[in-house]
N, C-alpha and C. Protein backbone atom coordinates (compact mmCIF):
# COMPACT_ATOMS: atom_id res chain seq x y z
N MET A 1 6.89 -9.12 21.21
CA MET A 1 6.58 -9.07 19.29
C MET A 1 8.40 -9.32 19.02
N GLN A 2 7.93 -10.45 17.65
CA GLN A 2 8.92 -10.73 17.18
C GLN A 2 9.30 -9.87 16.37
N ARG A 3 10.60 -9.77 15.94
CA ARG A 3 11.48 -8.19 15.06
C ARG A 3 11.09 -8.05 13.88
N THR A 4 10.22 -9.25 13.37
CA THR A 4 9.49 -9.25 11.69
C THR A 4 8.61 -8.32 12.04
N ASP A 5 8.03 -8.14 12.49
CA ASP A 5 6.86 -7.74 13.40
C ASP A 5 6.89 -6.04 13.20
N LYS A 6 7.80 -6.08 14.01
CA LYS A 6 8.60 -4.76 14.64
C LYS A 6 8.93 -3.85 12.98
N VAL A 7 9.68 -4.73 12.04
CA VAL A 7 9.82 -4.30 10.94
C VAL A 7 8.98 -4.21 10.00
N TRP A 8 7.96 -4.66 9.92
CA TRP A 8 6.24 -4.65 9.58
C TRP A 8 5.87 -3.34 9.68
N TRP A 9 5.51 -3.12 11.33
CA TRP A 9 4.83 -1.63 12.14
C TRP A 9 5.68 -0.94 11.54
N CYS A 10 7.33 -1.04 11.17
CA CYS A 10 7.84 0.48 10.64
C CYS A 10 7.45 0.94 9.39
N ILE A 11 7.56 -0.25 8.58
CA ILE A 11 7.29 0.07 7.19
C ILE A 11 5.54 0.56 6.98
N ALA A 12 4.91 0.11 7.94
CA ALA A 12 3.44 1.10 8.06
C ALA A 12 3.61 2.12 8.29
N ALA A 13 4.61 2.65 9.57
CA ALA A 13 4.73 4.10 10.13
C ALA A 13 5.00 5.01 8.54
N LEU A 14 6.03 4.05 8.12
CA LEU A 14 6.85 4.91 7.12
C LEU A 14 5.95 5.18 5.69
N SER A 15 4.57 4.11 5.58
CA SER A 15 3.99 4.33 4.60
C SER A 15 3.11 5.11 4.77
N GLY A 16 2.25 5.52 6.18
CA GLY A 16 1.14 6.53 6.51
C GLY A 16 1.96 7.94 6.82
N ALA A 17 2.98 8.05 6.52
CA ALA A 17 4.01 9.23 6.60
C ALA A 17 3.92 9.80 5.61
N MET A 18 4.20 9.07 4.33
CA MET A 18 4.18 9.27 3.12
C MET A 18 2.86 9.66 2.50
N LEU A 19 1.95 8.90 3.20
CA LEU A 19 0.70 8.90 2.09
C LEU A 19 0.10 10.31 2.81
N VAL A 20 0.28 10.46 4.29
CA VAL A 20 -0.10 12.01 4.86
C VAL A 20 0.60 13.16 4.06
N MET A 21 2.15 13.06 3.15
CA MET A 21 2.91 13.85 2.70
C MET A 21 2.69 14.42 1.51
N LEU A 22 1.97 13.21 0.94
CA LEU A 22 1.84 12.93 -0.82
C LEU A 22 0.35 13.77 -0.58
N GLY A 23 -0.55 13.17 -0.23
CA GLY A 23 -1.71 13.76 0.50
C GLY A 23 -1.92 15.27 0.14
N ALA A 24 -1.09 15.92 1.23
CA ALA A 24 -1.29 17.01 1.33
C ALA A 24 -0.63 18.25 0.16
N TYR A 25 0.42 17.46 -0.20
CA TYR A 25 0.96 17.53 -1.47
C TYR A 25 0.03 18.08 -3.01
N ALA A 26 -0.79 16.58 -2.64
CA ALA A 26 -1.75 16.74 -3.98
C ALA A 26 -2.54 17.90 -3.61
N ALA A 27 -2.89 17.90 -2.55
CA ALA A 27 -4.23 18.98 -2.16
C ALA A 27 -4.00 20.69 -1.99
N HIS A 28 -2.77 20.60 -2.08
CA HIS A 28 -2.06 22.12 -1.68
C HIS A 28 -1.05 22.52 -2.55
N GLY A 29 -0.34 22.07 -3.43
CA GLY A 29 0.57 22.20 -4.11
C GLY A 29 0.71 21.75 -5.52
N LEU A 30 0.36 20.71 -5.90
CA LEU A 30 0.44 19.80 -7.14
C LEU A 30 -0.17 20.23 -8.47
N ALA A 31 -1.36 20.60 -7.85
CA ALA A 31 -2.32 21.20 -9.14
C ALA A 31 -1.77 22.64 -10.27
N ALA A 32 -0.97 23.38 -9.12
CA ALA A 32 -0.28 24.36 -9.96
C ALA A 32 0.69 23.94 -10.54
N ARG A 33 1.16 22.97 -10.52
CA ARG A 33 2.03 22.39 -11.37
C ARG A 33 1.84 21.33 -12.77
N THR A 34 0.68 20.82 -12.44
CA THR A 34 0.74 19.91 -13.39
C THR A 34 -1.02 19.94 -13.49
N THR A 35 -1.65 18.53 -14.49
CA THR A 35 -2.95 18.61 -14.86
C THR A 35 -3.82 17.85 -13.84
N GLU A 36 -5.31 18.30 -13.97
CA GLU A 36 -6.06 17.68 -13.00
C GLU A 36 -6.11 16.01 -13.01
N ALA A 37 -5.45 15.30 -14.08
CA ALA A 37 -5.37 14.07 -14.33
C ALA A 37 -4.32 13.41 -13.61
N MET A 38 -3.34 14.10 -13.24
CA MET A 38 -1.94 13.97 -12.43
C MET A 38 -2.27 14.19 -10.93
N VAL A 39 -3.08 15.48 -10.56
CA VAL A 39 -3.54 15.21 -9.53
C VAL A 39 -4.57 14.07 -8.77
N SER A 40 -5.35 13.57 -9.47
CA SER A 40 -6.37 12.50 -9.61
C SER A 40 -5.17 11.09 -9.18
N ALA A 41 -4.15 11.33 -10.18
CA ALA A 41 -3.73 9.88 -10.09
C ALA A 41 -2.55 9.97 -8.72
N VAL A 42 -2.73 10.95 -8.11
CA VAL A 42 -1.64 10.60 -6.56
C VAL A 42 -2.84 10.71 -5.84
N GLU A 43 -4.12 11.10 -5.99
CA GLU A 43 -4.91 11.28 -5.09
C GLU A 43 -5.90 9.65 -4.75
N THR A 44 -5.10 8.78 -6.32
CA THR A 44 -5.44 7.28 -6.29
C THR A 44 -4.71 6.73 -5.75
N GLY A 45 -3.59 7.24 -5.73
CA GLY A 45 -2.39 6.43 -5.07
C GLY A 45 -2.25 6.57 -3.86
N VAL A 46 -2.72 7.43 -3.23
CA VAL A 46 -2.54 7.85 -1.79
C VAL A 46 -3.84 7.11 -1.22
N ARG A 47 -4.74 6.90 -1.62
CA ARG A 47 -6.51 6.27 -1.06
C ARG A 47 -6.14 4.96 -1.28
N TYR A 48 -5.37 4.23 -2.22
CA TYR A 48 -4.84 3.07 -2.19
C TYR A 48 -4.00 2.57 -0.64
N GLN A 49 -3.31 3.54 -1.06
CA GLN A 49 -2.00 3.27 0.23
C GLN A 49 -2.93 3.18 1.38
N ALA A 50 -3.42 4.27 1.97
CA ALA A 50 -4.03 4.08 3.07
C ALA A 50 -4.81 3.02 3.30
N TRP A 51 -5.26 2.70 2.71
CA TRP A 51 -6.44 1.59 2.46
C TRP A 51 -5.29 0.50 3.06
N HIS A 52 -4.56 0.20 2.24
CA HIS A 52 -3.80 -1.14 2.70
C HIS A 52 -2.77 -0.96 3.71
N THR A 53 -1.96 0.65 3.99
CA THR A 53 -1.40 0.46 5.10
C THR A 53 -2.39 0.37 6.86
N LEU A 54 -3.59 0.53 6.55
CA LEU A 54 -4.45 -0.24 7.41
C LEU A 54 -4.92 -1.41 7.62
N ALA A 55 -4.90 -2.09 6.32
CA ALA A 55 -5.00 -3.45 6.62
C ALA A 55 -3.68 -4.07 7.15
N ILE A 56 -2.63 -3.56 6.81
CA ILE A 56 -1.33 -3.95 7.16
C ILE A 56 -0.89 -4.13 8.43
N MET A 57 -1.92 -2.85 9.08
CA MET A 57 -1.74 -2.52 10.67
C MET A 57 -2.93 -3.67 11.35
N ILE A 58 -4.02 -4.19 10.67
CA ILE A 58 -4.87 -4.60 11.65
C ILE A 58 -4.53 -6.05 11.31
N VAL A 59 -3.48 -6.42 10.33
CA VAL A 59 -3.13 -7.86 10.15
C VAL A 59 -2.34 -8.02 11.53
N LEU A 60 -1.21 -7.00 11.27
CA LEU A 60 -0.29 -6.64 12.61
C LEU A 60 -0.62 -7.21 13.96
N VAL A 61 -2.28 -6.58 14.26
CA VAL A 61 -2.59 -6.75 15.37
C VAL A 61 -3.02 -8.00 15.68
N TRP A 62 -3.80 -8.74 14.76
CA TRP A 62 -4.14 -10.17 14.52
C TRP A 62 -3.30 -11.01 15.01
N ARG A 63 -1.97 -10.62 13.99
CA ARG A 63 -0.77 -11.20 14.28
C ARG A 63 -0.67 -11.64 15.97
N GLN A 64 -0.82 -10.48 16.46
CA GLN A 64 -0.23 -10.80 17.95
C GLN A 64 -0.90 -11.50 19.13
N VAL A 65 -2.46 -11.41 18.60
CA VAL A 65 -3.53 -12.68 19.03
C VAL A 65 -3.64 -13.51 18.79
N GLN A 66 -3.30 -13.79 17.09
CA GLN A 66 -3.49 -15.42 16.76
C GLN A 66 -2.65 -15.32 15.23
N PRO A 67 -1.37 -15.94 15.89
CA PRO A 67 -0.15 -15.99 14.28
C PRO A 67 -0.65 -17.08 13.57
N LEU A 68 -0.78 -17.16 12.72
CA LEU A 68 -0.97 -17.73 11.54
C LEU A 68 -0.09 -18.02 10.34
N ALA A 69 -0.16 -19.22 9.94
CA ALA A 69 0.76 -19.79 8.61
C ALA A 69 -0.08 -18.48 7.77
N GLY A 70 0.56 -17.87 6.81
CA GLY A 70 0.00 -17.04 5.71
C GLY A 70 0.31 -15.87 6.00
N GLN A 71 0.00 -15.42 7.17
CA GLN A 71 -0.17 -13.72 7.30
C GLN A 71 0.98 -13.18 6.70
N ARG A 72 1.85 -13.43 6.71
CA ARG A 72 2.96 -12.73 6.42
C ARG A 72 3.13 -12.69 4.68
N TRP A 73 2.83 -13.49 3.42
CA TRP A 73 2.13 -13.60 2.53
C TRP A 73 1.20 -12.21 2.43
N VAL A 74 0.86 -12.46 2.95
CA VAL A 74 -0.64 -11.09 2.89
C VAL A 74 -0.27 -10.02 3.38
N LEU A 75 1.41 -10.13 4.03
CA LEU A 75 1.46 -8.12 4.34
C LEU A 75 2.85 -8.31 2.98
N ALA A 76 3.27 -9.10 2.78
CA ALA A 76 4.15 -8.83 1.99
C ALA A 76 3.79 -8.28 0.29
N LEU A 77 2.90 -8.74 0.02
CA LEU A 77 1.77 -8.80 -1.05
C LEU A 77 1.14 -7.39 -1.36
N TRP A 78 0.62 -7.05 -0.11
CA TRP A 78 -0.13 -5.42 0.45
C TRP A 78 1.63 -4.50 -0.10
N ALA A 79 2.34 -4.79 0.91
CA ALA A 79 3.28 -3.67 0.61
C ALA A 79 4.14 -3.73 -0.94
N LEU A 80 4.02 -4.86 -1.71
CA LEU A 80 5.03 -4.87 -2.96
C LEU A 80 3.89 -4.00 -3.83
N GLY A 81 2.42 -4.79 -3.93
CA GLY A 81 1.36 -3.79 -4.29
C GLY A 81 1.32 -2.47 -4.28
N MET A 82 1.34 -2.16 -2.89
CA MET A 82 1.38 -0.65 -2.67
C MET A 82 2.49 0.17 -3.42
N ALA A 83 3.83 -0.63 -3.33
CA ALA A 83 4.93 0.15 -3.69
C ALA A 83 4.91 -0.03 -5.45
N CYS A 84 4.57 -1.11 -6.13
CA CYS A 84 3.96 -1.17 -7.41
C CYS A 84 2.77 -0.29 -7.84
N PHE A 85 1.85 -0.42 -7.65
CA PHE A 85 0.35 0.12 -7.74
C PHE A 85 0.57 1.75 -7.45
N SER A 86 0.93 2.56 -5.92
CA SER A 86 0.74 3.89 -5.85
C SER A 86 2.34 4.67 -6.25
N GLY A 87 3.06 3.55 -6.02
CA GLY A 87 4.24 4.50 -6.24
C GLY A 87 4.28 4.65 -7.92
N SER A 88 3.93 3.78 -8.95
CA SER A 88 4.28 3.81 -10.45
C SER A 88 3.37 5.57 -10.59
N LEU A 89 2.23 5.07 -9.64
CA LEU A 89 0.64 6.50 -9.94
C LEU A 89 1.83 7.66 -9.76
N TYR A 90 2.51 7.86 -8.30
CA TYR A 90 3.33 8.66 -7.77
C TYR A 90 4.09 9.47 -8.93
N LEU A 91 5.32 7.66 -9.34
CA LEU A 91 6.39 8.62 -10.46
C LEU A 91 5.74 9.58 -11.50
N MET A 92 4.44 8.90 -12.42
CA MET A 92 3.77 9.07 -13.26
C MET A 92 3.63 10.49 -12.91
N ALA A 93 2.93 11.34 -12.30
CA ALA A 93 2.42 12.53 -11.74
C ALA A 93 3.71 13.22 -11.27
N LEU A 94 4.58 12.64 -10.38
CA LEU A 94 5.42 13.49 -10.11
C LEU A 94 6.53 14.11 -10.94
N ALA A 95 6.68 12.62 -11.39
CA ALA A 95 8.45 12.78 -11.56
C ALA A 95 8.02 12.91 -13.66
N GLY A 96 6.80 12.35 -14.11
CA GLY A 96 6.68 12.09 -15.46
C GLY A 96 7.08 11.21 -16.06
N LEU A 97 7.50 9.92 -15.29
CA LEU A 97 7.77 8.58 -15.64
C LEU A 97 6.55 7.93 -15.62
N SER A 98 6.43 6.84 -16.59
CA SER A 98 5.41 6.26 -16.81
C SER A 98 6.00 5.12 -16.84
N LEU A 99 5.42 3.71 -16.10
CA LEU A 99 6.38 2.46 -15.90
C LEU A 99 5.35 1.17 -16.26
N GLY A 100 4.70 2.08 -17.52
CA GLY A 100 3.90 1.20 -17.97
C GLY A 100 2.76 0.07 -17.22
N ILE A 101 3.68 -1.50 -17.31
CA ILE A 101 2.74 -2.53 -16.86
C ILE A 101 2.96 -2.25 -15.40
N VAL A 102 3.90 -1.55 -14.80
CA VAL A 102 4.08 -2.06 -13.01
C VAL A 102 2.48 -1.52 -12.10
N THR A 103 1.86 -0.34 -13.33
CA THR A 103 0.86 0.05 -12.33
C THR A 103 -0.31 -1.51 -12.43
N PRO A 104 -0.87 -1.97 -13.30
CA PRO A 104 -1.46 -3.08 -13.44
C PRO A 104 -0.79 -4.48 -12.29
N ILE A 105 -0.06 -4.34 -12.27
CA ILE A 105 1.02 -5.47 -11.57
C ILE A 105 0.70 -5.21 -10.33
N GLY A 106 0.99 -3.95 -9.62
CA GLY A 106 0.49 -3.27 -8.58
C GLY A 106 -0.63 -3.63 -8.36
N GLY A 107 -1.89 -3.52 -8.86
CA GLY A 107 -3.06 -4.14 -8.58
C GLY A 107 -3.60 -5.72 -8.11
N LEU A 108 -2.61 -6.22 -9.41
CA LEU A 108 -2.97 -7.65 -9.19
C LEU A 108 -2.04 -8.29 -7.81
N LEU A 109 -1.01 -7.47 -7.59
CA LEU A 109 -0.37 -7.86 -6.02
C LEU A 109 -1.38 -7.39 -4.95
N LEU A 110 -1.88 -6.49 -4.95
CA LEU A 110 -3.11 -5.95 -3.81
C LEU A 110 -4.37 -6.80 -3.98
N MET A 111 -4.35 -7.34 -4.97
CA MET A 111 -5.77 -8.20 -5.03
C MET A 111 -5.25 -9.39 -4.71
N ALA A 112 -4.43 -10.30 -4.94
CA ALA A 112 -3.82 -11.10 -4.53
C ALA A 112 -3.31 -11.38 -2.67
N GLY A 113 -3.11 -10.49 -2.16
CA GLY A 113 -3.23 -9.71 -1.04
C GLY A 113 -4.27 -10.30 -0.54
N TRP A 114 -5.62 -9.76 -1.07
CA TRP A 114 -7.24 -10.19 0.10
C TRP A 114 -6.86 -11.39 -0.69
N LEU A 115 -6.93 -12.19 -1.93
CA LEU A 115 -6.92 -13.61 -1.79
C LEU A 115 -6.17 -14.50 -0.70
N ALA A 116 -4.79 -14.22 -0.41
CA ALA A 116 -3.98 -14.38 0.46
C ALA A 116 -4.48 -14.54 1.87
N LEU A 117 -5.43 -13.38 2.34
CA LEU A 117 -6.09 -13.06 3.51
C LEU A 117 -7.03 -14.14 3.89
N GLY A 118 -8.05 -14.26 2.59
CA GLY A 118 -8.96 -15.07 2.74
C GLY A 118 -8.49 -16.64 2.42
N VAL A 119 -7.78 -16.96 2.03
CA VAL A 119 -7.25 -18.90 2.27
C VAL A 119 -6.60 -18.74 3.77
N VAL A 120 -5.92 -17.67 4.47
CA VAL A 120 -5.13 -17.40 5.50
C VAL A 120 -6.50 -17.89 6.47
N VAL A 121 -7.81 -17.05 6.23
CA VAL A 121 -9.05 -17.21 7.28
C VAL A 121 -9.07 -18.77 7.25
N VAL A 122 -9.38 -19.15 5.78
CA VAL A 122 -10.24 -20.10 5.82
C VAL A 122 -9.75 -21.63 6.24
N LYS A 123 -8.16 -21.44 6.15
CA LYS A 123 -7.27 -22.59 6.95
C LYS A 123 -7.27 -22.07 8.30
N ALA A 124 -7.65 -21.57 9.47
CA ALA A 124 -7.36 -21.08 10.65
C ALA A 124 -8.24 -21.71 10.85
N ARG A 125 -7.60 -22.47 12.30
CA ARG A 125 -8.47 -23.20 12.81
C ARG A 125 -8.97 -22.94 14.20
């Protein structure tokens, strides 16, 4: 396994642990401290982070079988997208910080990752 893949596995593991922690907090402790809309924002962030963490792990397994140019772009776009999209939702709900355009930029990065995945697959021989 390449060193960069080990780093990506660590990122996926940390993301998974973080989303479980935040999901549990949203389900059991956050409701008493904030509004239903903020709880919903955290739940949305957790959901998107969970799906994209799983997608990152799937691409990492795929890289072991069939390493292709562009797979790292997919991983990077998804990781940055999760940080911006989910991270900005967490900051808004937990710290009251609104980062404005960061949330939709994160969403665009997530979409770009999916489009990049399509390009990688189409270009594969």
